[in-house]
Amino acid sequence: MIVTFNLSDFPEQALAAYGMEARHPDEFLSHLFDEAPEAFLGALQEMVAQLKNPPRTLVQHLDVLRDQGLKGTVERLAARLPVSGKEQ
């Protein structure tokens, strides 16, 4: 699997010859979240906690991910956050 924002450079027919497929990062991450939401959220929280330059809250980082084109993933995550987590 190739995970890329640039799907147009990886046509399905060309990749099929190699037994591969291309997926948009939002589709890929949304699938991972759907498979193991608690593990995904835990890994994301650990990653955000390590951000130092600049430091961000989880909610601030979700805004960054949304701006990067990961809208579906962010929607799934935001729906899963506890009310107190939305204020972080």
N, C-alpha and C. Protein backbone atom coordinates (compact mmCIF):
# COMPACT_ATOMS: atom_id res chain seq x y z
N MET A 1 0.84 -1.17 0.00
CA MET A 1 0.00 0.00 0.00
C MET A 1 0.89 1.24 0.00
N ILE A 2 0.48 2.20 -0.78
CA ILE A 2 1.12 3.50 -0.80
C ILE A 2 0.12 4.49 -0.20
N VAL A 3 0.56 5.21 0.81
CA VAL A 3 -0.29 6.22 1.44
C VAL A 3 0.22 7.57 0.98
N THR A 4 -0.64 8.29 0.24
CA THR A 4 -0.21 9.55 -0.36
C THR A 4 -1.39 10.49 -0.58
N PHE A 5 -1.12 11.77 -0.48
CA PHE A 5 -2.12 12.76 -0.84
C PHE A 5 -2.23 12.86 -2.37
N ASN A 6 -1.21 12.41 -3.06
CA ASN A 6 -1.11 12.56 -4.50
C ASN A 6 -1.57 11.28 -5.22
N LEU A 7 -2.82 10.95 -5.10
CA LEU A 7 -3.35 9.72 -5.69
C LEU A 7 -3.26 9.72 -7.21
N SER A 8 -3.28 10.88 -7.82
CA SER A 8 -3.28 10.93 -9.30
C SER A 8 -1.99 10.38 -9.89
N ASP A 9 -0.91 10.36 -9.13
CA ASP A 9 0.35 9.81 -9.64
C ASP A 9 0.46 8.30 -9.46
N PHE A 10 -0.54 7.69 -8.85
CA PHE A 10 -0.52 6.26 -8.60
C PHE A 10 -1.82 5.62 -9.06
N PRO A 11 -2.00 5.48 -10.39
CA PRO A 11 -3.25 4.92 -10.91
C PRO A 11 -3.47 3.48 -10.46
N GLU A 12 -4.71 3.19 -10.16
CA GLU A 12 -5.09 1.86 -9.66
C GLU A 12 -4.60 0.75 -10.59
N GLN A 13 -4.79 0.93 -11.87
CA GLN A 13 -4.41 -0.11 -12.83
C GLN A 13 -2.90 -0.37 -12.82
N ALA A 14 -2.11 0.66 -12.72
CA ALA A 14 -0.65 0.49 -12.70
C ALA A 14 -0.20 -0.22 -11.42
N LEU A 15 -0.81 0.12 -10.30
CA LEU A 15 -0.42 -0.50 -9.03
C LEU A 15 -0.89 -1.95 -8.93
N ALA A 16 -2.03 -2.25 -9.53
CA ALA A 16 -2.59 -3.60 -9.47
C ALA A 16 -1.61 -4.63 -10.01
N ALA A 17 -0.81 -4.25 -10.99
CA ALA A 17 0.17 -5.17 -11.56
C ALA A 17 1.19 -5.63 -10.52
N TYR A 18 1.35 -4.85 -9.46
CA TYR A 18 2.29 -5.17 -8.38
C TYR A 18 1.59 -5.62 -7.11
N GLY A 19 0.28 -5.78 -7.19
CA GLY A 19 -0.49 -6.19 -6.01
C GLY A 19 -0.55 -5.09 -4.96
N MET A 20 -0.51 -3.85 -5.42
CA MET A 20 -0.52 -2.72 -4.49
C MET A 20 -1.73 -1.83 -4.74
N GLU A 21 -1.97 -0.96 -3.79
CA GLU A 21 -3.01 0.05 -3.94
C GLU A 21 -2.55 1.34 -3.28
N ALA A 22 -3.12 2.43 -3.71
CA ALA A 22 -2.82 3.74 -3.11
C ALA A 22 -4.03 4.19 -2.31
N ARG A 23 -3.76 4.78 -1.16
CA ARG A 23 -4.84 5.31 -0.33
C ARG A 23 -4.48 6.71 0.12
N HIS A 24 -5.51 7.52 0.21
CA HIS A 24 -5.36 8.87 0.76
C HIS A 24 -5.08 8.72 2.26
N PRO A 25 -4.21 9.55 2.84
CA PRO A 25 -3.93 9.44 4.27
C PRO A 25 -5.17 9.51 5.16
N ASP A 26 -6.16 10.30 4.78
CA ASP A 26 -7.38 10.39 5.59
C ASP A 26 -8.12 9.06 5.59
N GLU A 27 -8.20 8.43 4.44
CA GLU A 27 -8.86 7.12 4.37
C GLU A 27 -8.08 6.09 5.17
N PHE A 28 -6.76 6.09 5.04
CA PHE A 28 -5.91 5.14 5.75
C PHE A 28 -6.04 5.31 7.26
N LEU A 29 -5.90 6.56 7.74
CA LEU A 29 -5.97 6.80 9.18
C LEU A 29 -7.36 6.57 9.74
N SER A 30 -8.38 6.92 8.98
CA SER A 30 -9.76 6.66 9.42
C SER A 30 -9.98 5.16 9.60
N HIS A 31 -9.44 4.37 8.69
CA HIS A 31 -9.57 2.91 8.79
C HIS A 31 -8.85 2.41 10.05
N LEU A 32 -7.63 2.91 10.29
CA LEU A 32 -6.91 2.49 11.50
C LEU A 32 -7.68 2.86 12.76
N PHE A 33 -8.24 4.05 12.77
CA PHE A 33 -9.04 4.49 13.92
C PHE A 33 -10.24 3.57 14.11
N ASP A 34 -10.94 3.25 13.03
CA ASP A 34 -12.12 2.39 13.13
C ASP A 34 -11.77 1.01 13.66
N GLU A 35 -10.57 0.53 13.33
CA GLU A 35 -10.14 -0.80 13.78
C GLU A 35 -9.77 -0.84 15.27
N ALA A 36 -9.19 0.25 15.76
CA ALA A 36 -8.73 0.26 17.16
C ALA A 36 -8.76 1.69 17.69
N PRO A 37 -9.95 2.22 17.95
CA PRO A 37 -10.05 3.63 18.34
C PRO A 37 -9.29 4.00 19.61
N GLU A 38 -9.33 3.16 20.62
CA GLU A 38 -8.64 3.49 21.88
C GLU A 38 -7.13 3.51 21.68
N ALA A 39 -6.60 2.55 20.95
CA ALA A 39 -5.16 2.51 20.68
C ALA A 39 -4.74 3.71 19.84
N PHE A 40 -5.55 4.05 18.84
CA PHE A 40 -5.25 5.18 17.97
C PHE A 40 -5.23 6.47 18.78
N LEU A 41 -6.25 6.69 19.59
CA LEU A 41 -6.34 7.90 20.39
C LEU A 41 -5.19 7.97 21.40
N GLY A 42 -4.86 6.84 22.00
CA GLY A 42 -3.75 6.81 22.94
C GLY A 42 -2.43 7.17 22.28
N ALA A 43 -2.19 6.63 21.09
CA ALA A 43 -0.95 6.95 20.36
C ALA A 43 -0.92 8.42 19.98
N LEU A 44 -2.05 8.96 19.56
CA LEU A 44 -2.11 10.37 19.20
C LEU A 44 -1.85 11.25 20.43
N GLN A 45 -2.43 10.90 21.55
CA GLN A 45 -2.22 11.68 22.78
C GLN A 45 -0.75 11.67 23.19
N GLU A 46 -0.09 10.52 23.05
CA GLU A 46 1.34 10.43 23.36
C GLU A 46 2.15 11.31 22.42
N MET A 47 1.81 11.27 21.14
CA MET A 47 2.52 12.07 20.15
C MET A 47 2.37 13.56 20.45
N VAL A 48 1.15 13.99 20.73
CA VAL A 48 0.89 15.40 21.00
C VAL A 48 1.61 15.83 22.28
N ALA A 49 1.67 14.97 23.28
CA ALA A 49 2.35 15.30 24.53
C ALA A 49 3.84 15.56 24.32
N GLN A 50 4.41 14.99 23.27
CA GLN A 50 5.83 15.15 22.99
C GLN A 50 6.14 16.38 22.14
N LEU A 51 5.12 17.04 21.62
CA LEU A 51 5.35 18.23 20.80
C LEU A 51 5.88 19.37 21.68
N LYS A 52 7.00 19.92 21.27
CA LYS A 52 7.63 20.97 22.07
C LYS A 52 7.76 22.29 21.33
N ASN A 53 7.80 22.26 20.00
CA ASN A 53 8.07 23.49 19.25
C ASN A 53 7.17 23.59 18.04
N PRO A 54 5.99 24.05 18.15
CA PRO A 54 5.38 24.57 19.39
C PRO A 54 4.64 23.46 20.11
N PRO A 55 4.49 23.61 21.41
CA PRO A 55 3.63 22.67 22.13
C PRO A 55 2.18 22.91 21.72
N ARG A 56 1.39 21.86 21.73
CA ARG A 56 -0.03 21.98 21.37
C ARG A 56 -0.87 21.12 22.29
N THR A 57 -2.10 21.52 22.42
CA THR A 57 -3.09 20.65 23.06
C THR A 57 -3.59 19.68 22.01
N LEU A 58 -4.28 18.67 22.44
CA LEU A 58 -4.84 17.71 21.50
C LEU A 58 -5.81 18.40 20.54
N VAL A 59 -6.64 19.28 21.06
CA VAL A 59 -7.61 19.98 20.22
C VAL A 59 -6.89 20.87 19.20
N GLN A 60 -5.84 21.55 19.61
CA GLN A 60 -5.07 22.36 18.67
C GLN A 60 -4.46 21.50 17.57
N HIS A 61 -3.99 20.32 17.96
CA HIS A 61 -3.39 19.43 16.96
C HIS A 61 -4.44 18.89 16.00
N LEU A 62 -5.64 18.67 16.48
CA LEU A 62 -6.72 18.24 15.58
C LEU A 62 -6.98 19.30 14.53
N ASP A 63 -6.90 20.56 14.90
CA ASP A 63 -7.06 21.64 13.92
C ASP A 63 -5.97 21.58 12.85
N VAL A 64 -4.74 21.28 13.26
CA VAL A 64 -3.64 21.14 12.31
C VAL A 64 -3.91 19.97 11.36
N LEU A 65 -4.33 18.85 11.92
CA LEU A 65 -4.61 17.68 11.08
C LEU A 65 -5.75 17.97 10.10
N ARG A 66 -6.77 18.67 10.55
CA ARG A 66 -7.88 19.04 9.67
C ARG A 66 -7.37 19.91 8.53
N ASP A 67 -6.53 20.88 8.86
CA ASP A 67 -5.97 21.77 7.84
C ASP A 67 -5.09 21.02 6.84
N GLN A 68 -4.54 19.90 7.26
CA GLN A 68 -3.69 19.10 6.38
C GLN A 68 -4.50 18.15 5.50
N GLY A 69 -5.80 18.15 5.64
CA GLY A 69 -6.64 17.33 4.79
C GLY A 69 -7.13 16.04 5.41
N LEU A 70 -7.05 15.93 6.72
CA LEU A 70 -7.47 14.71 7.41
C LEU A 70 -8.82 14.90 8.10
N LYS A 71 -9.75 15.45 7.36
CA LYS A 71 -11.05 15.84 7.91
C LYS A 71 -11.83 14.65 8.51
N GLY A 72 -11.91 13.56 7.80
CA GLY A 72 -12.65 12.40 8.29
C GLY A 72 -12.04 11.82 9.56
N THR A 73 -10.72 11.75 9.60
CA THR A 73 -10.03 11.25 10.78
C THR A 73 -10.30 12.16 11.97
N VAL A 74 -10.21 13.47 11.75
CA VAL A 74 -10.45 14.43 12.83
C VAL A 74 -11.89 14.34 13.32
N GLU A 75 -12.84 14.18 12.42
CA GLU A 75 -14.24 14.05 12.85
C GLU A 75 -14.42 12.84 13.75
N ARG A 76 -13.79 11.72 13.39
CA ARG A 76 -13.88 10.52 14.22
C ARG A 76 -13.26 10.76 15.60
N LEU A 77 -12.08 11.38 15.60
CA LEU A 77 -11.40 11.65 16.86
C LEU A 77 -12.19 12.61 17.74
N ALA A 78 -12.66 13.70 17.17
CA ALA A 78 -13.39 14.71 17.94
C ALA A 78 -14.64 14.12 18.56
N ALA A 79 -15.31 13.23 17.85
CA ALA A 79 -16.52 12.61 18.37
C ALA A 79 -16.22 11.68 19.55
N ARG A 80 -14.99 11.22 19.63
CA ARG A 80 -14.60 10.26 20.66
C ARG A 80 -14.02 10.93 21.91
N LEU A 81 -13.65 12.20 21.80
CA LEU A 81 -13.04 12.88 22.94
C LEU A 81 -14.05 13.12 24.04
N PRO A 82 -13.62 12.94 25.28
CA PRO A 82 -14.52 13.30 26.38
C PRO A 82 -14.72 14.81 26.38
N VAL A 83 -15.78 15.26 26.98
CA VAL A 83 -16.08 16.69 27.01
C VAL A 83 -14.90 17.47 27.56
N SER A 84 -14.25 16.98 28.61
CA SER A 84 -13.10 17.69 29.16
C SER A 84 -11.94 17.68 28.18
N GLY A 85 -11.81 16.64 27.35
CA GLY A 85 -10.73 16.55 26.38
C GLY A 85 -10.87 17.58 25.28
N LYS A 86 -12.09 18.03 25.01
CA LYS A 86 -12.30 19.02 23.97
C LYS A 86 -11.82 20.40 24.41
N GLU A 87 -11.59 20.56 25.70
CA GLU A 87 -11.12 21.84 26.21
C GLU A 87 -9.62 21.89 26.33
N GLN A 88 -8.94 20.77 26.15
CA GLN A 88 -7.48 20.70 26.32
C GLN A 88 -6.77 21.52 25.28
